[in-house]
Amino acid sequence: MEHEHLTPSPFQSWDDLRFFLVTTQKGSLAKAASHIGVTQPTVSRRIESLEERLGVRLFDRLPSGVALTVEGESILDAAKLIEEKVLEIQMNVS
């Protein structure tokens, strides 16, 4: 069977979107880090890496936390749908 050449994805793993979603829900990198159980610099690096691979800024960094950019808003619904599907897969196999 011949395999099609796959274009590299900007999403290296589900965790990329999970960090994005938790940050949107918590409103700050520090609160997202606390919720996930990692350090704030880890969340920051993961978000910056995702932004670099997508070629857009997803969040504006503010003194009070973060705010979604237009580009961040544009992927939010799709990211939530992916989260639902990942959770569905986890429930189906457990």
PDB file of N, CA and C in Angstrom:
ATOM      1  N   MET A   1       0.837  -1.178   0.000  1.00  0.00           N
ATOM      2  CA  MET A   1       0.000   0.000   0.000  1.00  0.00           C
ATOM      3  C   MET A   1       0.886   1.247   0.000  1.00  0.00           C
ATOM      4  N   GLU A   2       0.590   2.167  -0.869  1.00  0.00           N
ATOM      5  CA  GLU A   2       1.363   3.392  -0.979  1.00  0.00           C
ATOM      6  C   GLU A   2       0.841   4.419   0.018  1.00  0.00           C
ATOM      7  N   HIS A   3       1.755   5.076   0.733  1.00  0.00           N
ATOM      8  CA  HIS A   3       1.386   6.096   1.708  1.00  0.00           C
ATOM      9  C   HIS A   3       1.493   7.475   1.087  1.00  0.00           C
ATOM     10  N   GLU A   4       0.491   8.294   1.348  1.00  0.00           N
ATOM     11  CA  GLU A   4       0.552   9.676   0.893  1.00  0.00           C
ATOM     12  C   GLU A   4       1.538  10.431   1.773  1.00  0.00           C
ATOM     13  N   HIS A   5       2.203  11.403   1.176  1.00  0.00           N
ATOM     14  CA  HIS A   5       3.112  12.245   1.944  1.00  0.00           C
ATOM     15  C   HIS A   5       2.260  13.186   2.804  1.00  0.00           C
ATOM     16  N   LEU A   6       2.485  13.149   4.101  1.00  0.00           N
ATOM     17  CA  LEU A   6       1.731  14.002   5.009  1.00  0.00           C
ATOM     18  C   LEU A   6       2.472  15.302   5.252  1.00  0.00           C
ATOM     19  N   THR A   7       1.759  16.404   5.177  1.00  0.00           N
ATOM     20  CA  THR A   7       2.329  17.701   5.487  1.00  0.00           C
ATOM     21  C   THR A   7       2.520  17.797   6.994  1.00  0.00           C
ATOM     22  N   PRO A   8       3.669  18.270   7.451  1.00  0.00           N
ATOM     23  CA  PRO A   8       3.874  18.393   8.894  1.00  0.00           C
ATOM     24  C   PRO A   8       2.798  19.279   9.525  1.00  0.00           C
ATOM     25  N   SER A   9       2.290  18.854  10.659  1.00  0.00           N
ATOM     26  CA  SER A   9       1.250  19.590  11.360  1.00  0.00           C
ATOM     27  C   SER A   9       1.861  20.596  12.316  1.00  0.00           C
ATOM     28  N   PRO A  10       1.235  21.772  12.468  1.00  0.00           N
ATOM     29  CA  PRO A  10       1.720  22.712  13.480  1.00  0.00           C
ATOM     30  C   PRO A  10       1.436  22.213  14.896  1.00  0.00           C
ATOM     31  N   PHE A  11       0.607  21.177  15.008  1.00  0.00           N
ATOM     32  CA  PHE A  11       0.276  20.616  16.314  1.00  0.00           C
ATOM     33  C   PHE A  11       1.090  19.357  16.521  1.00  0.00           C
ATOM     34  N   GLN A  12       2.096  19.453  17.403  1.00  0.00           N
ATOM     35  CA  GLN A  12       2.949  18.305  17.642  1.00  0.00           C
ATOM     36  C   GLN A  12       2.228  17.251  18.463  1.00  0.00           C
ATOM     37  N   SER A  13       1.274  17.685  19.266  1.00  0.00           N
ATOM     38  CA  SER A  13       0.515  16.746  20.081  1.00  0.00           C
ATOM     39  C   SER A  13      -0.754  17.418  20.571  1.00  0.00           C
ATOM     40  N   TRP A  14      -1.622  16.617  21.143  1.00  0.00           N
ATOM     41  CA  TRP A  14      -2.852  17.135  21.749  1.00  0.00           C
ATOM     42  C   TRP A  14      -2.506  18.155  22.834  1.00  0.00           C
ATOM     43  N   ASP A  15      -1.392  17.966  23.533  1.00  0.00           N
ATOM     44  CA  ASP A  15      -1.014  18.878  24.616  1.00  0.00           C
ATOM     45  C   ASP A  15      -0.910  20.326  24.158  1.00  0.00           C
ATOM     46  N   ASP A  16      -0.507  20.552  22.913  1.00  0.00           N
ATOM     47  CA  ASP A  16      -0.431  21.925  22.416  1.00  0.00           C
ATOM     48  C   ASP A  16      -1.781  22.621  22.543  1.00  0.00           C
ATOM     49  N   LEU A  17      -2.813  21.945  22.109  1.00  0.00           N
ATOM     50  CA  LEU A  17      -4.150  22.545  22.191  1.00  0.00           C
ATOM     51  C   LEU A  17      -4.668  22.558  23.621  1.00  0.00           C
ATOM     52  N   ARG A  18      -4.294  21.559  24.404  1.00  0.00           N
ATOM     53  CA  ARG A  18      -4.728  21.523  25.813  1.00  0.00           C
ATOM     54  C   ARG A  18      -4.160  22.722  26.562  1.00  0.00           C
ATOM     55  N   PHE A  19      -2.882  23.038  26.354  1.00  0.00           N
ATOM     56  CA  PHE A  19      -2.286  24.207  26.999  1.00  0.00           C
ATOM     57  C   PHE A  19      -3.004  25.473  26.542  1.00  0.00           C
ATOM     58  N   PHE A  20      -3.307  25.566  25.258  1.00  0.00           N
ATOM     59  CA  PHE A  20      -4.045  26.712  24.720  1.00  0.00           C
ATOM     60  C   PHE A  20      -5.412  26.842  25.387  1.00  0.00           C
ATOM     61  N   LEU A  21      -6.161  25.734  25.452  1.00  0.00           N
ATOM     62  CA  LEU A  21      -7.509  25.780  26.021  1.00  0.00           C
ATOM     63  C   LEU A  21      -7.506  26.121  27.505  1.00  0.00           C
ATOM     64  N   VAL A  22      -6.626  25.511  28.262  1.00  0.00           N
ATOM     65  CA  VAL A  22      -6.578  25.799  29.696  1.00  0.00           C
ATOM     66  C   VAL A  22      -6.201  27.265  29.926  1.00  0.00           C
ATOM     67  N   THR A  23      -5.301  27.789  29.125  1.00  0.00           N
ATOM     68  CA  THR A  23      -4.922  29.195  29.256  1.00  0.00           C
ATOM     69  C   THR A  23      -6.107  30.099  28.946  1.00  0.00           C
ATOM     70  N   THR A  24      -6.894  29.755  27.937  1.00  0.00           N
ATOM     71  CA  THR A  24      -8.080  30.578  27.649  1.00  0.00           C
ATOM     72  C   THR A  24      -9.079  30.499  28.795  1.00  0.00           C
ATOM     73  N   GLN A  25      -9.240  29.326  29.379  1.00  0.00           N
ATOM     74  CA  GLN A  25     -10.202  29.137  30.471  1.00  0.00           C
ATOM     75  C   GLN A  25      -9.767  29.846  31.748  1.00  0.00           C
ATOM     76  N   LYS A  26      -8.481  29.802  32.049  1.00  0.00           N
ATOM     77  CA  LYS A  26      -7.978  30.358  33.309  1.00  0.00           C
ATOM     78  C   LYS A  26      -7.624  31.832  33.208  1.00  0.00           C
ATOM     79  N   GLY A  27      -7.365  32.338  31.999  1.00  0.00           N
ATOM     80  CA  GLY A  27      -7.101  33.759  31.805  1.00  0.00           C
ATOM     81  C   GLY A  27      -5.696  34.219  32.115  1.00  0.00           C
ATOM     82  N   SER A  28      -4.820  33.297  32.518  1.00  0.00           N
ATOM     83  CA  SER A  28      -3.424  33.671  32.745  1.00  0.00           C
ATOM     84  C   SER A  28      -2.548  32.442  32.595  1.00  0.00           C
ATOM     85  N   LEU A  29      -1.284  32.691  32.252  1.00  0.00           N
ATOM     86  CA  LEU A  29      -0.328  31.596  32.109  1.00  0.00           C
ATOM     87  C   LEU A  29      -0.060  30.941  33.459  1.00  0.00           C
ATOM     88  N   ALA A  30       0.027  31.747  34.521  1.00  0.00           N
ATOM     89  CA  ALA A  30       0.303  31.207  35.856  1.00  0.00           C
ATOM     90  C   ALA A  30      -0.844  30.320  36.338  1.00  0.00           C
ATOM     91  N   LYS A  31      -2.084  30.762  36.139  1.00  0.00           N
ATOM     92  CA  LYS A  31      -3.236  29.954  36.566  1.00  0.00           C
ATOM     93  C   LYS A  31      -3.349  28.689  35.734  1.00  0.00           C
ATOM     94  N   ALA A  32      -3.041  28.785  34.450  1.00  0.00           N
ATOM     95  CA  ALA A  32      -3.055  27.591  33.597  1.00  0.00           C
ATOM     96  C   ALA A  32      -1.998  26.602  34.071  1.00  0.00           C
ATOM     97  N   ALA A  33      -0.814  27.112  34.395  1.00  0.00           N
ATOM     98  CA  ALA A  33       0.273  26.250  34.872  1.00  0.00           C
ATOM     99  C   ALA A  33      -0.129  25.536  36.151  1.00  0.00           C
ATOM    100  N   SER A  34      -0.720  26.259  37.073  1.00  0.00           N
ATOM    101  CA  SER A  34      -1.156  25.670  38.340  1.00  0.00           C
ATOM    102  C   SER A  34      -2.190  24.578  38.095  1.00  0.00           C
ATOM    103  N   HIS A  35      -3.118  24.834  37.198  1.00  0.00           N
ATOM    104  CA  HIS A  35      -4.175  23.861  36.885  1.00  0.00           C
ATOM    105  C   HIS A  35      -3.598  22.593  36.243  1.00  0.00           C
ATOM    106  N   ILE A  36      -2.657  22.766  35.322  1.00  0.00           N
ATOM    107  CA  ILE A  36      -2.073  21.635  34.605  1.00  0.00           C
ATOM    108  C   ILE A  36      -1.050  20.894  35.468  1.00  0.00           C
ATOM    109  N   GLY A  37      -0.411  21.625  36.399  1.00  0.00           N
ATOM    110  CA  GLY A  37       0.602  21.013  37.247  1.00  0.00           C
ATOM    111  C   GLY A  37       2.010  21.141  36.700  1.00  0.00           C
ATOM    112  N   VAL A  38       2.241  22.243  35.984  1.00  0.00           N
ATOM    113  CA  VAL A  38       3.574  22.543  35.447  1.00  0.00           C
ATOM    114  C   VAL A  38       3.926  23.967  35.860  1.00  0.00           C
ATOM    115  N   THR A  39       5.111  24.425  35.473  1.00  0.00           N
ATOM    116  CA  THR A  39       5.516  25.789  35.798  1.00  0.00           C
ATOM    117  C   THR A  39       4.973  26.773  34.766  1.00  0.00           C
ATOM    118  N   GLN A  40       4.897  28.044  35.160  1.00  0.00           N
ATOM    119  CA  GLN A  40       4.436  29.086  34.248  1.00  0.00           C
ATOM    120  C   GLN A  40       5.353  29.200  33.034  1.00  0.00           C
ATOM    121  N   PRO A  41       6.697  29.129  33.200  1.00  0.00           N
ATOM    122  CA  PRO A  41       7.545  29.184  32.006  1.00  0.00           C
ATOM    123  C   PRO A  41       7.278  28.035  31.026  1.00  0.00           C
ATOM    124  N   THR A  42       6.882  26.879  31.532  1.00  0.00           N
ATOM    125  CA  THR A  42       6.549  25.755  30.643  1.00  0.00           C
ATOM    126  C   THR A  42       5.334  26.094  29.794  1.00  0.00           C
ATOM    127  N   VAL A  43       4.302  26.636  30.417  1.00  0.00           N
ATOM    128  CA  VAL A  43       3.101  27.028  29.659  1.00  0.00           C
ATOM    129  C   VAL A  43       3.466  28.100  28.645  1.00  0.00           C
ATOM    130  N   SER A  44       4.236  29.069  29.072  1.00  0.00           N
ATOM    131  CA  SER A  44       4.642  30.150  28.176  1.00  0.00           C
ATOM    132  C   SER A  44       5.400  29.609  26.966  1.00  0.00           C
ATOM    133  N   ARG A  45       6.360  28.717  27.209  1.00  0.00           N
ATOM    134  CA  ARG A  45       7.137  28.132  26.098  1.00  0.00           C
ATOM    135  C   ARG A  45       6.240  27.339  25.158  1.00  0.00           C
ATOM    136  N   ARG A  46       5.308  26.567  25.702  1.00  0.00           N
ATOM    137  CA  ARG A  46       4.435  25.753  24.854  1.00  0.00           C
ATOM    138  C   ARG A  46       3.538  26.633  23.986  1.00  0.00           C
ATOM    139  N   ILE A  47       2.982  27.691  24.580  1.00  0.00           N
ATOM    140  CA  ILE A  47       2.131  28.620  23.824  1.00  0.00           C
ATOM    141  C   ILE A  47       2.964  29.335  22.760  1.00  0.00           C
ATOM    142  N   GLU A  48       4.149  29.810  23.124  1.00  0.00           N
ATOM    143  CA  GLU A  48       5.002  30.502  22.154  1.00  0.00           C
ATOM    144  C   GLU A  48       5.408  29.570  21.011  1.00  0.00           C
ATOM    145  N   SER A  49       5.676  28.328  21.324  1.00  0.00           N
ATOM    146  CA  SER A  49       6.037  27.352  20.290  1.00  0.00           C
ATOM    147  C   SER A  49       4.865  27.121  19.339  1.00  0.00           C
ATOM    148  N   LEU A  50       3.672  26.986  19.887  1.00  0.00           N
ATOM    149  CA  LEU A  50       2.482  26.801  19.051  1.00  0.00           C
ATOM    150  C   LEU A  50       2.258  28.032  18.176  1.00  0.00           C
ATOM    151  N   GLU A  51       2.388  29.214  18.772  1.00  0.00           N
ATOM    152  CA  GLU A  51       2.225  30.452  17.999  1.00  0.00           C
ATOM    153  C   GLU A  51       3.237  30.519  16.860  1.00  0.00           C
ATOM    154  N   GLU A  52       4.470  30.138  17.135  1.00  0.00           N
ATOM    155  CA  GLU A  52       5.508  30.172  16.110  1.00  0.00           C
ATOM    156  C   GLU A  52       5.175  29.211  14.970  1.00  0.00           C
ATOM    157  N   ARG A  53       4.735  28.007  15.312  1.00  0.00           N
ATOM    158  CA  ARG A  53       4.418  27.027  14.276  1.00  0.00           C
ATOM    159  C   ARG A  53       3.189  27.425  13.469  1.00  0.00           C
ATOM    160  N   LEU A  54       2.232  28.102  14.101  1.00  0.00           N
ATOM    161  CA  LEU A  54       1.039  28.566  13.388  1.00  0.00           C
ATOM    162  C   LEU A  54       1.302  29.872  12.637  1.00  0.00           C
ATOM    163  N   GLY A  55       2.323  30.609  13.064  1.00  0.00           N
ATOM    164  CA  GLY A  55       2.639  31.878  12.432  1.00  0.00           C
ATOM    165  C   GLY A  55       1.739  33.018  12.845  1.00  0.00           C
ATOM    166  N   VAL A  56       1.114  32.889  14.018  1.00  0.00           N
ATOM    167  CA  VAL A  56       0.230  33.937  14.548  1.00  0.00           C
ATOM    168  C   VAL A  56       0.378  34.024  16.063  1.00  0.00           C
ATOM    169  N   ARG A  57       0.014  35.179  16.608  1.00  0.00           N
ATOM    170  CA  ARG A  57      -0.074  35.318  18.074  1.00  0.00           C
ATOM    171  C   ARG A  57      -1.467  34.893  18.490  1.00  0.00           C
ATOM    172  N   LEU A  58      -1.571  34.032  19.470  1.00  0.00           N
ATOM    173  CA  LEU A  58      -2.865  33.561  19.957  1.00  0.00           C
ATOM    174  C   LEU A  58      -3.359  34.383  21.134  1.00  0.00           C
ATOM    175  N   PHE A  59      -2.421  34.942  21.891  1.00  0.00           N
ATOM    176  CA  PHE A  59      -2.766  35.729  23.079  1.00  0.00           C
ATOM    177  C   PHE A  59      -2.006  37.039  23.084  1.00  0.00           C
ATOM    178  N   ASP A  60      -2.675  38.064  23.605  1.00  0.00           N
ATOM    179  CA  ASP A  60      -1.981  39.287  23.988  1.00  0.00           C
ATOM    180  C   ASP A  60      -1.626  39.116  25.454  1.00  0.00           C
ATOM    181  N   ARG A  61      -0.366  39.364  25.798  1.00  0.00           N
ATOM    182  CA  ARG A  61       0.070  39.270  27.188  1.00  0.00           C
ATOM    183  C   ARG A  61      -0.192  40.609  27.862  1.00  0.00           C
ATOM    184  N   LEU A  62      -0.962  40.588  28.932  1.00  0.00           N
ATOM    185  CA  LEU A  62      -1.349  41.789  29.654  1.00  0.00           C
ATOM    186  C   LEU A  62      -0.862  41.690  31.094  1.00  0.00           C
ATOM    187  N   PRO A  63      -0.746  42.818  31.801  1.00  0.00           N
ATOM    188  CA  PRO A  63      -0.335  42.754  33.210  1.00  0.00           C
ATOM    189  C   PRO A  63      -1.283  41.883  34.051  1.00  0.00           C
ATOM    190  N   SER A  64      -2.546  41.859  33.680  1.00  0.00           N
ATOM    191  CA  SER A  64      -3.535  41.101  34.457  1.00  0.00           C
ATOM    192  C   SER A  64      -3.704  39.664  33.977  1.00  0.00           C
ATOM    193  N   GLY A  65      -3.017  39.266  32.919  1.00  0.00           N
ATOM    194  CA  GLY A  65      -3.160  37.913  32.384  1.00  0.00           C
ATOM    195  C   GLY A  65      -2.999  37.901  30.886  1.00  0.00           C
ATOM    196  N   VAL A  66      -3.876  37.155  30.221  1.00  0.00           N
ATOM    197  CA  VAL A  66      -3.822  37.072  28.759  1.00  0.00           C
ATOM    198  C   VAL A  66      -5.213  37.319  28.187  1.00  0.00           C
ATOM    199  N   ALA A  67      -5.234  37.762  26.940  1.00  0.00           N
ATOM    200  CA  ALA A  67      -6.484  37.947  26.208  1.00  0.00           C
ATOM    201  C   ALA A  67      -6.289  37.344  24.827  1.00  0.00           C
ATOM    202  N   LEU A  68      -7.293  36.613  24.359  1.00  0.00           N
ATOM    203  CA  LEU A  68      -7.216  36.021  23.028  1.00  0.00           C
ATOM    204  C   LEU A  68      -7.125  37.100  21.958  1.00  0.00           C
ATOM    205  N   THR A  69      -6.289  36.857  20.983  1.00  0.00           N
ATOM    206  CA  THR A  69      -6.248  37.704  19.801  1.00  0.00           C
ATOM    207  C   THR A  69      -7.365  37.248  18.865  1.00  0.00           C
ATOM    208  N   VAL A  70      -7.550  37.952  17.778  1.00  0.00           N
ATOM    209  CA  VAL A  70      -8.529  37.545  16.763  1.00  0.00           C
ATOM    210  C   VAL A  70      -8.181  36.145  16.254  1.00  0.00           C
ATOM    211  N   GLU A  71      -6.887  35.896  16.061  1.00  0.00           N
ATOM    212  CA  GLU A  71      -6.448  34.578  15.577  1.00  0.00           C
ATOM    213  C   GLU A  71      -6.717  33.494  16.618  1.00  0.00           C
ATOM    214  N   GLY A  72      -6.506  33.820  17.890  1.00  0.00           N
ATOM    215  CA  GLY A  72      -6.819  32.870  18.960  1.00  0.00           C
ATOM    216  C   GLY A  72      -8.301  32.548  18.999  1.00  0.00           C
ATOM    217  N   GLU A  73      -9.117  33.586  18.863  1.00  0.00           N
ATOM    218  CA  GLU A  73     -10.576  33.390  18.816  1.00  0.00           C
ATOM    219  C   GLU A  73     -10.964  32.500  17.643  1.00  0.00           C
ATOM    220  N   SER A  74     -10.249  32.651  16.524  1.00  0.00           N
ATOM    221  CA  SER A  74     -10.622  31.917  15.312  1.00  0.00           C
ATOM    222  C   SER A  74     -10.391  30.410  15.437  1.00  0.00           C
ATOM    223  N   ILE A  75      -9.513  29.977  16.346  1.00  0.00           N
ATOM    224  CA  ILE A  75      -9.288  28.534  16.487  1.00  0.00           C
ATOM    225  C   ILE A  75      -9.931  27.958  17.744  1.00  0.00           C
ATOM    226  N   LEU A  76     -10.512  28.805  18.583  1.00  0.00           N
ATOM    227  CA  LEU A  76     -11.047  28.347  19.871  1.00  0.00           C
ATOM    228  C   LEU A  76     -12.130  27.282  19.722  1.00  0.00           C
ATOM    229  N   ASP A  77     -13.114  27.501  18.869  1.00  0.00           N
ATOM    230  CA  ASP A  77     -14.196  26.525  18.718  1.00  0.00           C
ATOM    231  C   ASP A  77     -13.677  25.181  18.204  1.00  0.00           C
ATOM    232  N   ALA A  78     -12.769  25.219  17.245  1.00  0.00           N
ATOM    233  CA  ALA A  78     -12.197  23.978  16.721  1.00  0.00           C
ATOM    234  C   ALA A  78     -11.392  23.252  17.800  1.00  0.00           C
ATOM    235  N   ALA A  79     -10.651  24.008  18.610  1.00  0.00           N
ATOM    236  CA  ALA A  79      -9.867  23.404  19.691  1.00  0.00           C
ATOM    237  C   ALA A  79     -10.785  22.740  20.720  1.00  0.00           C
ATOM    238  N   LYS A  80     -11.914  23.377  21.015  1.00  0.00           N
ATOM    239  CA  LYS A  80     -12.884  22.786  21.949  1.00  0.00           C
ATOM    240  C   LYS A  80     -13.468  21.495  21.375  1.00  0.00           C
ATOM    241  N   LEU A  81     -13.739  21.486  20.095  1.00  0.00           N
ATOM    242  CA  LEU A  81     -14.261  20.285  19.442  1.00  0.00           C
ATOM    243  C   LEU A  81     -13.239  19.147  19.500  1.00  0.00           C
ATOM    244  N   ILE A  82     -11.987  19.476  19.262  1.00  0.00           N
ATOM    245  CA  ILE A  82     -10.930  18.462  19.343  1.00  0.00           C
ATOM    246  C   ILE A  82     -10.851  17.918  20.766  1.00  0.00           C
ATOM    247  N   GLU A  83     -10.964  18.799  21.756  1.00  0.00           N
ATOM    248  CA  GLU A  83     -10.941  18.359  23.160  1.00  0.00           C
ATOM    249  C   GLU A  83     -12.082  17.376  23.427  1.00  0.00           C
ATOM    250  N   GLU A  84     -13.265  17.684  22.935  1.00  0.00           N
ATOM    251  CA  GLU A  84     -14.411  16.778  23.107  1.00  0.00           C
ATOM    252  C   GLU A  84     -14.121  15.416  22.499  1.00  0.00           C
ATOM    253  N   LYS A  85     -13.529  15.404  21.318  1.00  0.00           N
ATOM    254  CA  LYS A  85     -13.236  14.140  20.639  1.00  0.00           C
ATOM    255  C   LYS A  85     -12.155  13.348  21.369  1.00  0.00           C
ATOM    256  N   VAL A  86     -11.142  14.042  21.890  1.00  0.00           N
ATOM    257  CA  VAL A  86     -10.096  13.351  22.651  1.00  0.00           C
ATOM    258  C   VAL A  86     -10.703  12.714  23.895  1.00  0.00           C
ATOM    259  N   LEU A  87     -11.567  13.446  24.597  1.00  0.00           N
ATOM    260  CA  LEU A  87     -12.223  12.903  25.778  1.00  0.00           C
ATOM    261  C   LEU A  87     -13.123  11.719  25.421  1.00  0.00           C
ATOM    262  N   GLU A  88     -13.793  11.809  24.284  1.00  0.00           N
ATOM    263  CA  GLU A  88     -14.633  10.711  23.799  1.00  0.00           C
ATOM    264  C   GLU A  88     -13.786   9.465  23.550  1.00  0.00           C
ATOM    265  N   ILE A  89     -12.652   9.642  22.919  1.00  0.00           N
ATOM    266  CA  ILE A  89     -11.748   8.509  22.675  1.00  0.00           C
ATOM    267  C   ILE A  89     -11.304   7.901  24.000  1.00  0.00           C
ATOM    268  N   GLN A  90     -10.920   8.739  24.956  1.00  0.00           N
ATOM    269  CA  GLN A  90     -10.471   8.246  26.254  1.00  0.00           C
ATOM    270  C   GLN A  90     -11.575   7.443  26.937  1.00  0.00           C
ATOM    271  N   MET A  91     -12.807   7.935  26.879  1.00  0.00           N
ATOM    272  CA  MET A  91     -13.927   7.209  27.501  1.00  0.00           C
ATOM    273  C   MET A  91     -14.202   5.904  26.789  1.00  0.00           C
ATOM    274  N   ASN A  92     -14.105   5.881  25.466  1.00  0.00           N
ATOM    275  CA  ASN A  92     -14.383   4.679  24.696  1.00  0.00           C
ATOM    276  C   ASN A  92     -13.373   3.566  24.928  1.00  0.00           C
ATOM    277  N   VAL A  93     -12.145   3.900  25.228  1.00  0.00           N
ATOM    278  CA  VAL A  93     -11.118   2.872  25.403  1.00  0.00           C
ATOM    279  C   VAL A  93     -10.906   2.477  26.860  1.00  0.00           C
ATOM    280  N   SER A  94     -11.551   3.204  27.776  1.00  0.00           N
ATOM    281  CA  SER A  94     -11.369   2.827  29.178  1.00  0.00           C
ATOM    282  C   SER A  94     -12.510   1.981  29.697  1.00  0.00           C
TER     283      SER A  94
END
